[in-house]
Amino acid sequence: MNGSVTISHDELQAWLVDRIAFYLDRPPENIDPTVELARYGIDSVYAISIISDIEDHLQVEVDVAEARKRETVTALTDYLLELTG
């Protein structure tokens, strides 16, 4: 874990929405952070790719099983902030 990474909830959530939109080939404004990711069709392949991006971006190791329990972007953002805090 790298303690030098500081990112706000809003910044991290916006970044996650952008990454998810990229993988789904949709505009970011069409991704609601409070909607379950499964409703957007995020499957295990997308999830692994997104988690890899998160690890690179935040310089933390993410527990895939724990991350998958977070069903919305908002919940995932909260979990990631716990890891970086």
PDB file of N, CA and C in Angstrom:
ATOM      1  N   MET A   1       0.843  -1.189   0.000  1.00  0.00           N
ATOM      2  CA  MET A   1       0.000   0.000   0.000  1.00  0.00           C
ATOM      3  C   MET A   1       0.879   1.239   0.000  1.00  0.00           C
ATOM      4  N   ASN A   2       0.504   2.190  -0.785  1.00  0.00           N
ATOM      5  CA  ASN A   2       1.287   3.412  -0.914  1.00  0.00           C
ATOM      6  C   ASN A   2       0.536   4.552  -0.243  1.00  0.00           C
ATOM      7  N   GLY A   3       1.038   5.026   0.871  1.00  0.00           N
ATOM      8  CA  GLY A   3       0.359   6.071   1.620  1.00  0.00           C
ATOM      9  C   GLY A   3       0.397   7.431   0.954  1.00  0.00           C
ATOM     10  N   SER A   4       1.170   7.587  -0.123  1.00  0.00           N
ATOM     11  CA  SER A   4       1.272   8.896  -0.759  1.00  0.00           C
ATOM     12  C   SER A   4       0.121   9.174  -1.729  1.00  0.00           C
ATOM     13  N   VAL A   5      -0.717   8.175  -1.979  1.00  0.00           N
ATOM     14  CA  VAL A   5      -1.849   8.375  -2.884  1.00  0.00           C
ATOM     15  C   VAL A   5      -3.005   8.962  -2.093  1.00  0.00           C
ATOM     16  N   THR A   6      -3.383  10.188  -2.449  1.00  0.00           N
ATOM     17  CA  THR A   6      -4.571  10.769  -1.842  1.00  0.00           C
ATOM     18  C   THR A   6      -5.523  11.150  -2.958  1.00  0.00           C
ATOM     19  N   ILE A   7      -6.737  10.675  -2.825  1.00  0.00           N
ATOM     20  CA  ILE A   7      -7.742  10.930  -3.848  1.00  0.00           C
ATOM     21  C   ILE A   7      -9.081  11.074  -3.141  1.00  0.00           C
ATOM     22  N   SER A   8      -9.873  12.021  -3.607  1.00  0.00           N
ATOM     23  CA  SER A   8     -11.172  12.231  -2.968  1.00  0.00           C
ATOM     24  C   SER A   8     -12.177  11.193  -3.476  1.00  0.00           C
ATOM     25  N   HIS A   9     -13.248  11.046  -2.721  1.00  0.00           N
ATOM     26  CA  HIS A   9     -14.326  10.129  -3.108  1.00  0.00           C
ATOM     27  C   HIS A   9     -14.834  10.488  -4.498  1.00  0.00           C
ATOM     28  N   ASP A  10     -15.092  11.774  -4.726  1.00  0.00           N
ATOM     29  CA  ASP A  10     -15.641  12.205  -6.021  1.00  0.00           C
ATOM     30  C   ASP A  10     -14.672  11.953  -7.168  1.00  0.00           C
ATOM     31  N   GLU A  11     -13.387  12.215  -6.932  1.00  0.00           N
ATOM     32  CA  GLU A  11     -12.380  11.977  -7.979  1.00  0.00           C
ATOM     33  C   GLU A  11     -12.291  10.499  -8.317  1.00  0.00           C
ATOM     34  N   LEU A  12     -12.247   9.671  -7.287  1.00  0.00           N
ATOM     35  CA  LEU A  12     -12.130   8.237  -7.511  1.00  0.00           C
ATOM     36  C   LEU A  12     -13.381   7.688  -8.176  1.00  0.00           C
ATOM     37  N   GLN A  13     -14.538   8.133  -7.725  1.00  0.00           N
ATOM     38  CA  GLN A  13     -15.783   7.661  -8.327  1.00  0.00           C
ATOM     39  C   GLN A  13     -15.867   8.072  -9.795  1.00  0.00           C
ATOM     40  N   ALA A  14     -15.481   9.295 -10.111  1.00  0.00           N
ATOM     41  CA  ALA A  14     -15.503   9.759 -11.505  1.00  0.00           C
ATOM     42  C   ALA A  14     -14.526   8.934 -12.356  1.00  0.00           C
ATOM     43  N   TRP A  15     -13.359   8.637 -11.803  1.00  0.00           N
ATOM     44  CA  TRP A  15     -12.382   7.823 -12.526  1.00  0.00           C
ATOM     45  C   TRP A  15     -12.938   6.427 -12.781  1.00  0.00           C
ATOM     46  N   LEU A  16     -13.572   5.820 -11.761  1.00  0.00           N
ATOM     47  CA  LEU A  16     -14.165   4.491 -11.928  1.00  0.00           C
ATOM     48  C   LEU A  16     -15.269   4.503 -12.981  1.00  0.00           C
ATOM     49  N   VAL A  17     -16.113   5.504 -12.939  1.00  0.00           N
ATOM     50  CA  VAL A  17     -17.181   5.619 -13.936  1.00  0.00           C
ATOM     51  C   VAL A  17     -16.577   5.704 -15.333  1.00  0.00           C
ATOM     52  N   ASP A  18     -15.508   6.479 -15.483  1.00  0.00           N
ATOM     53  CA  ASP A  18     -14.838   6.588 -16.786  1.00  0.00           C
ATOM     54  C   ASP A  18     -14.297   5.240 -17.253  1.00  0.00           C
ATOM     55  N   ARG A  19     -13.665   4.488 -16.347  1.00  0.00           N
ATOM     56  CA  ARG A  19     -13.114   3.180 -16.717  1.00  0.00           C
ATOM     57  C   ARG A  19     -14.225   2.218 -17.114  1.00  0.00           C
ATOM     58  N   ILE A  20     -15.301   2.198 -16.338  1.00  0.00           N
ATOM     59  CA  ILE A  20     -16.420   1.303 -16.628  1.00  0.00           C
ATOM     60  C   ILE A  20     -17.061   1.687 -17.962  1.00  0.00           C
ATOM     61  N   ALA A  21     -17.223   2.971 -18.184  1.00  0.00           N
ATOM     62  CA  ALA A  21     -17.789   3.447 -19.454  1.00  0.00           C
ATOM     63  C   ALA A  21     -16.899   3.027 -20.619  1.00  0.00           C
ATOM     64  N   PHE A  22     -15.585   3.118 -20.429  1.00  0.00           N
ATOM     65  CA  PHE A  22     -14.640   2.705 -21.464  1.00  0.00           C
ATOM     66  C   PHE A  22     -14.856   1.235 -21.835  1.00  0.00           C
ATOM     67  N   TYR A  23     -14.896   0.369 -20.826  1.00  0.00           N
ATOM     68  CA  TYR A  23     -15.057  -1.069 -21.101  1.00  0.00           C
ATOM     69  C   TYR A  23     -16.419  -1.403 -21.708  1.00  0.00           C
ATOM     70  N   LEU A  24     -17.428  -0.645 -21.335  1.00  0.00           N
ATOM     71  CA  LEU A  24     -18.769  -0.911 -21.861  1.00  0.00           C
ATOM     72  C   LEU A  24     -19.044  -0.158 -23.157  1.00  0.00           C
ATOM     73  N   ASP A  25     -18.097   0.679 -23.575  1.00  0.00           N
ATOM     74  CA  ASP A  25     -18.253   1.493 -24.775  1.00  0.00           C
ATOM     75  C   ASP A  25     -19.526   2.339 -24.701  1.00  0.00           C
ATOM     76  N   ARG A  26     -19.663   3.023 -23.564  1.00  0.00           N
ATOM     77  CA  ARG A  26     -20.800   3.910 -23.326  1.00  0.00           C
ATOM     78  C   ARG A  26     -20.271   5.253 -22.829  1.00  0.00           C
ATOM     79  N   PRO A  27     -21.060   6.311 -22.990  1.00  0.00           N
ATOM     80  CA  PRO A  27     -20.639   7.601 -22.413  1.00  0.00           C
ATOM     81  C   PRO A  27     -20.678   7.527 -20.881  1.00  0.00           C
ATOM     82  N   PRO A  28     -19.701   8.126 -20.206  1.00  0.00           N
ATOM     83  CA  PRO A  28     -19.684   8.088 -18.734  1.00  0.00           C
ATOM     84  C   PRO A  28     -20.968   8.614 -18.099  1.00  0.00           C
ATOM     85  N   GLU A  29     -21.599   9.599 -18.738  1.00  0.00           N
ATOM     86  CA  GLU A  29     -22.819  10.159 -18.147  1.00  0.00           C
ATOM     87  C   GLU A  29     -23.976   9.162 -18.149  1.00  0.00           C
ATOM     88  N   ASN A  30     -23.828   8.046 -18.865  1.00  0.00           N
ATOM     89  CA  ASN A  30     -24.859   7.004 -18.869  1.00  0.00           C
ATOM     90  C   ASN A  30     -24.637   5.954 -17.779  1.00  0.00           C
ATOM     91  N   ILE A  31     -23.595   6.130 -16.983  1.00  0.00           N
ATOM     92  CA  ILE A  31     -23.303   5.197 -15.886  1.00  0.00           C
ATOM     93  C   ILE A  31     -23.713   5.858 -14.573  1.00  0.00           C
ATOM     94  N   ASP A  32     -24.692   5.266 -13.914  1.00  0.00           N
ATOM     95  CA  ASP A  32     -25.160   5.764 -12.613  1.00  0.00           C
ATOM     96  C   ASP A  32     -24.390   5.018 -11.525  1.00  0.00           C
ATOM     97  N   PRO A  33     -23.644   5.746 -10.682  1.00  0.00           N
ATOM     98  CA  PRO A  33     -22.831   5.075  -9.673  1.00  0.00           C
ATOM     99  C   PRO A  33     -23.637   4.339  -8.600  1.00  0.00           C
ATOM    100  N   THR A  34     -24.955   4.562  -8.557  1.00  0.00           N
ATOM    101  CA  THR A  34     -25.782   3.895  -7.555  1.00  0.00           C
ATOM    102  C   THR A  34     -26.512   2.672  -8.110  1.00  0.00           C
ATOM    103  N   VAL A  35     -26.318   2.385  -9.397  1.00  0.00           N
ATOM    104  CA  VAL A  35     -26.964   1.230 -10.026  1.00  0.00           C
ATOM    105  C   VAL A  35     -26.010   0.039  -9.952  1.00  0.00           C
ATOM    106  N   GLU A  36     -26.559  -1.153  -9.692  1.00  0.00           N
ATOM    107  CA  GLU A  36     -25.723  -2.349  -9.620  1.00  0.00           C
ATOM    108  C   GLU A  36     -24.966  -2.546 -10.927  1.00  0.00           C
ATOM    109  N   LEU A  37     -23.678  -2.807 -10.792  1.00  0.00           N
ATOM    110  CA  LEU A  37     -22.830  -2.993 -11.973  1.00  0.00           C
ATOM    111  C   LEU A  37     -23.315  -4.142 -12.847  1.00  0.00           C
ATOM    112  N   ALA A  38     -23.878  -5.164 -12.244  1.00  0.00           N
ATOM    113  CA  ALA A  38     -24.387  -6.304 -13.016  1.00  0.00           C
ATOM    114  C   ALA A  38     -25.451  -5.867 -14.014  1.00  0.00           C
ATOM    115  N   ARG A  39     -26.191  -4.827 -13.695  1.00  0.00           N
ATOM    116  CA  ARG A  39     -27.227  -4.347 -14.613  1.00  0.00           C
ATOM    117  C   ARG A  39     -26.622  -3.727 -15.869  1.00  0.00           C
ATOM    118  N   TYR A  40     -25.365  -3.338 -15.802  1.00  0.00           N
ATOM    119  CA  TYR A  40     -24.675  -2.807 -16.983  1.00  0.00           C
ATOM    120  C   TYR A  40     -23.975  -3.910 -17.771  1.00  0.00           C
ATOM    121  N   GLY A  41     -24.007  -5.123 -17.256  1.00  0.00           N
ATOM    122  CA  GLY A  41     -23.360  -6.224 -17.959  1.00  0.00           C
ATOM    123  C   GLY A  41     -21.892  -6.383 -17.626  1.00  0.00           C
ATOM    124  N   ILE A  42     -21.484  -5.916 -16.454  1.00  0.00           N
ATOM    125  CA  ILE A  42     -20.100  -6.109 -16.029  1.00  0.00           C
ATOM    126  C   ILE A  42     -19.933  -7.583 -15.667  1.00  0.00           C
ATOM    127  N   ASP A  43     -19.175  -8.308 -16.482  1.00  0.00           N
ATOM    128  CA  ASP A  43     -18.940  -9.730 -16.202  1.00  0.00           C
ATOM    129  C   ASP A  43     -17.556  -9.891 -15.578  1.00  0.00           C
ATOM    130  N   SER A  44     -17.160 -11.135 -15.344  1.00  0.00           N
ATOM    131  CA  SER A  44     -15.891 -11.376 -14.646  1.00  0.00           C
ATOM    132  C   SER A  44     -14.689 -10.874 -15.443  1.00  0.00           C
ATOM    133  N   VAL A  45     -14.756 -10.933 -16.760  1.00  0.00           N
ATOM    134  CA  VAL A  45     -13.635 -10.451 -17.574  1.00  0.00           C
ATOM    135  C   VAL A  45     -13.481  -8.939 -17.410  1.00  0.00           C
ATOM    136  N   TYR A  46     -14.599  -8.214 -17.520  1.00  0.00           N
ATOM    137  CA  TYR A  46     -14.552  -6.762 -17.301  1.00  0.00           C
ATOM    138  C   TYR A  46     -14.080  -6.457 -15.881  1.00  0.00           C
ATOM    139  N   ALA A  47     -14.601  -7.201 -14.915  1.00  0.00           N
ATOM    140  CA  ALA A  47     -14.255  -6.939 -13.515  1.00  0.00           C
ATOM    141  C   ALA A  47     -12.758  -7.079 -13.282  1.00  0.00           C
ATOM    142  N   ILE A  48     -12.160  -8.134 -13.819  1.00  0.00           N
ATOM    143  CA  ILE A  48     -10.718  -8.338 -13.644  1.00  0.00           C
ATOM    144  C   ILE A  48      -9.935  -7.203 -14.311  1.00  0.00           C
ATOM    145  N   SER A  49     -10.360  -6.793 -15.483  1.00  0.00           N
ATOM    146  CA  SER A  49      -9.689  -5.689 -16.185  1.00  0.00           C
ATOM    147  C   SER A  49      -9.788  -4.395 -15.384  1.00  0.00           C
ATOM    148  N   ILE A  50     -10.964  -4.113 -14.868  1.00  0.00           N
ATOM    149  CA  ILE A  50     -11.173  -2.887 -14.086  1.00  0.00           C
ATOM    150  C   ILE A  50     -10.344  -2.932 -12.800  1.00  0.00           C
ATOM    151  N   ILE A  51     -10.323  -4.081 -12.139  1.00  0.00           N
ATOM    152  CA  ILE A  51      -9.537  -4.214 -10.908  1.00  0.00           C
ATOM    153  C   ILE A  51      -8.049  -4.024 -11.200  1.00  0.00           C
ATOM    154  N   SER A  52      -7.585  -4.551 -12.314  1.00  0.00           N
ATOM    155  CA  SER A  52      -6.186  -4.342 -12.714  1.00  0.00           C
ATOM    156  C   SER A  52      -5.905  -2.851 -12.916  1.00  0.00           C
ATOM    157  N   ASP A  53      -6.823  -2.150 -13.565  1.00  0.00           N
ATOM    158  CA  ASP A  53      -6.677  -0.703 -13.757  1.00  0.00           C
ATOM    159  C   ASP A  53      -6.638   0.021 -12.409  1.00  0.00           C
ATOM    160  N   ILE A  54      -7.512  -0.401 -11.490  1.00  0.00           N
ATOM    161  CA  ILE A  54      -7.565   0.208 -10.153  1.00  0.00           C
ATOM    162  C   ILE A  54      -6.219   0.028  -9.451  1.00  0.00           C
ATOM    163  N   GLU A  55      -5.686  -1.194  -9.498  1.00  0.00           N
ATOM    164  CA  GLU A  55      -4.405  -1.467  -8.838  1.00  0.00           C
ATOM    165  C   GLU A  55      -3.291  -0.598  -9.412  1.00  0.00           C
ATOM    166  N   ASP A  56      -3.278  -0.448 -10.726  1.00  0.00           N
ATOM    167  CA  ASP A  56      -2.265   0.404 -11.370  1.00  0.00           C
ATOM    168  C   ASP A  56      -2.450   1.867 -10.983  1.00  0.00           C
ATOM    169  N   HIS A  57      -3.702   2.307 -10.961  1.00  0.00           N
ATOM    170  CA  HIS A  57      -4.014   3.713 -10.697  1.00  0.00           C
ATOM    171  C   HIS A  57      -3.736   4.098  -9.242  1.00  0.00           C
ATOM    172  N   LEU A  58      -4.144   3.230  -8.312  1.00  0.00           N
ATOM    173  CA  LEU A  58      -4.038   3.559  -6.889  1.00  0.00           C
ATOM    174  C   LEU A  58      -2.802   2.972  -6.212  1.00  0.00           C
ATOM    175  N   GLN A  59      -2.093   2.081  -6.930  1.00  0.00           N
ATOM    176  CA  GLN A  59      -0.919   1.425  -6.356  1.00  0.00           C
ATOM    177  C   GLN A  59      -1.269   0.667  -5.070  1.00  0.00           C
ATOM    178  N   VAL A  60      -2.398  -0.059  -5.115  1.00  0.00           N
ATOM    179  CA  VAL A  60      -2.800  -0.930  -4.011  1.00  0.00           C
ATOM    180  C   VAL A  60      -3.143  -2.293  -4.583  1.00  0.00           C
ATOM    181  N   GLU A  61      -3.093  -3.299  -3.720  1.00  0.00           N
ATOM    182  CA  GLU A  61      -3.524  -4.630  -4.124  1.00  0.00           C
ATOM    183  C   GLU A  61      -4.985  -4.781  -3.718  1.00  0.00           C
ATOM    184  N   VAL A  62      -5.818  -5.152  -4.674  1.00  0.00           N
ATOM    185  CA  VAL A  62      -7.258  -5.267  -4.444  1.00  0.00           C
ATOM    186  C   VAL A  62      -7.629  -6.741  -4.346  1.00  0.00           C
ATOM    187  N   ASP A  63      -8.359  -7.096  -3.298  1.00  0.00           N
ATOM    188  CA  ASP A  63      -8.897  -8.444  -3.140  1.00  0.00           C
ATOM    189  C   ASP A  63     -10.099  -8.556  -4.082  1.00  0.00           C
ATOM    190  N   VAL A  64      -9.958  -9.373  -5.124  1.00  0.00           N
ATOM    191  CA  VAL A  64     -10.993  -9.475  -6.162  1.00  0.00           C
ATOM    192  C   VAL A  64     -12.331  -9.902  -5.560  1.00  0.00           C
ATOM    193  N   ALA A  65     -12.302 -10.884  -4.665  1.00  0.00           N
ATOM    194  CA  ALA A  65     -13.551 -11.365  -4.056  1.00  0.00           C
ATOM    195  C   ALA A  65     -14.231 -10.251  -3.259  1.00  0.00           C
ATOM    196  N   GLU A  66     -13.433  -9.481  -2.522  1.00  0.00           N
ATOM    197  CA  GLU A  66     -14.001  -8.368  -1.755  1.00  0.00           C
ATOM    198  C   GLU A  66     -14.556  -7.290  -2.690  1.00  0.00           C
ATOM    199  N   ALA A  67     -13.806  -6.970  -3.728  1.00  0.00           N
ATOM    200  CA  ALA A  67     -14.254  -5.946  -4.671  1.00  0.00           C
ATOM    201  C   ALA A  67     -15.554  -6.363  -5.356  1.00  0.00           C
ATOM    202  N   ARG A  68     -15.680  -7.639  -5.686  1.00  0.00           N
ATOM    203  CA  ARG A  68     -16.876  -8.122  -6.377  1.00  0.00           C
ATOM    204  C   ARG A  68     -18.119  -8.055  -5.494  1.00  0.00           C
ATOM    205  N   LYS A  69     -17.919  -8.026  -4.170  1.00  0.00           N
ATOM    206  CA  LYS A  69     -19.062  -7.906  -3.252  1.00  0.00           C
ATOM    207  C   LYS A  69     -19.680  -6.513  -3.312  1.00  0.00           C
ATOM    208  N   ARG A  70     -18.908  -5.549  -3.793  1.00  0.00           N
ATOM    209  CA  ARG A  70     -19.400  -4.168  -3.899  1.00  0.00           C
ATOM    210  C   ARG A  70     -20.162  -4.058  -5.214  1.00  0.00           C
ATOM    211  N   GLU A  71     -21.467  -3.903  -5.133  1.00  0.00           N
ATOM    212  CA  GLU A  71     -22.302  -4.037  -6.323  1.00  0.00           C
ATOM    213  C   GLU A  71     -22.508  -2.750  -7.107  1.00  0.00           C
ATOM    214  N   THR A  72     -22.110  -1.616  -6.533  1.00  0.00           N
ATOM    215  CA  THR A  72     -22.270  -0.342  -7.238  1.00  0.00           C
ATOM    216  C   THR A  72     -20.922   0.380  -7.277  1.00  0.00           C
ATOM    217  N   VAL A  73     -20.823   1.365  -8.147  1.00  0.00           N
ATOM    218  CA  VAL A  73     -19.601   2.180  -8.205  1.00  0.00           C
ATOM    219  C   VAL A  73     -19.394   2.888  -6.872  1.00  0.00           C
ATOM    220  N   THR A  74     -20.467   3.381  -6.275  1.00  0.00           N
ATOM    221  CA  THR A  74     -20.355   4.080  -4.994  1.00  0.00           C
ATOM    222  C   THR A  74     -19.792   3.153  -3.916  1.00  0.00           C
ATOM    223  N   ALA A  75     -20.315   1.932  -3.832  1.00  0.00           N
ATOM    224  CA  ALA A  75     -19.831   0.976  -2.831  1.00  0.00           C
ATOM    225  C   ALA A  75     -18.380   0.583  -3.105  1.00  0.00           C
ATOM    226  N   LEU A  76     -18.034   0.401  -4.362  1.00  0.00           N
ATOM    227  CA  LEU A  76     -16.662   0.065  -4.728  1.00  0.00           C
ATOM    228  C   LEU A  76     -15.720   1.218  -4.389  1.00  0.00           C
ATOM    229  N   THR A  77     -16.156   2.430  -4.639  1.00  0.00           N
ATOM    230  CA  THR A  77     -15.359   3.614  -4.301  1.00  0.00           C
ATOM    231  C   THR A  77     -15.074   3.655  -2.805  1.00  0.00           C
ATOM    232  N   ASP A  78     -16.097   3.428  -1.996  1.00  0.00           N
ATOM    233  CA  ASP A  78     -15.916   3.423  -0.543  1.00  0.00           C
ATOM    234  C   ASP A  78     -14.896   2.372  -0.110  1.00  0.00           C
ATOM    235  N   TYR A  79     -15.018   1.181  -0.681  1.00  0.00           N
ATOM    236  CA  TYR A  79     -14.086   0.089  -0.365  1.00  0.00           C
ATOM    237  C   TYR A  79     -12.651   0.476  -0.737  1.00  0.00           C
ATOM    238  N   LEU A  80     -12.467   1.046  -1.920  1.00  0.00           N
ATOM    239  CA  LEU A  80     -11.124   1.423  -2.370  1.00  0.00           C
ATOM    240  C   LEU A  80     -10.524   2.522  -1.514  1.00  0.00           C
ATOM    241  N   LEU A  81     -11.354   3.440  -1.061  1.00  0.00           N
ATOM    242  CA  LEU A  81     -10.850   4.497  -0.170  1.00  0.00           C
ATOM    243  C   LEU A  81     -10.392   3.915   1.156  1.00  0.00           C
ATOM    244  N   GLU A  82     -11.049   2.859   1.631  1.00  0.00           N
ATOM    245  CA  GLU A  82     -10.600   2.159   2.839  1.00  0.00           C
ATOM    246  C   GLU A  82      -9.194   1.573   2.605  1.00  0.00           C
ATOM    247  N   LEU A  83      -8.985   1.003   1.421  1.00  0.00           N
ATOM    248  CA  LEU A  83      -7.679   0.408   1.111  1.00  0.00           C
ATOM    249  C   LEU A  83      -6.571   1.454   1.048  1.00  0.00           C
ATOM    250  N   THR A  84      -6.879   2.621   0.522  1.00  0.00           N
ATOM    251  CA  THR A  84      -5.848   3.646   0.335  1.00  0.00           C
ATOM    252  C   THR A  84      -5.657   4.494   1.582  1.00  0.00           C
ATOM    253  N   GLY A  85      -6.635   4.454   2.488  1.00  0.00           N
ATOM    254  CA  GLY A  85      -6.565   5.266   3.706  1.00  0.00           C
ATOM    255  C   GLY A  85      -5.580   4.708   4.648  1.00  0.00           C
TER     256      GLY A  85
END
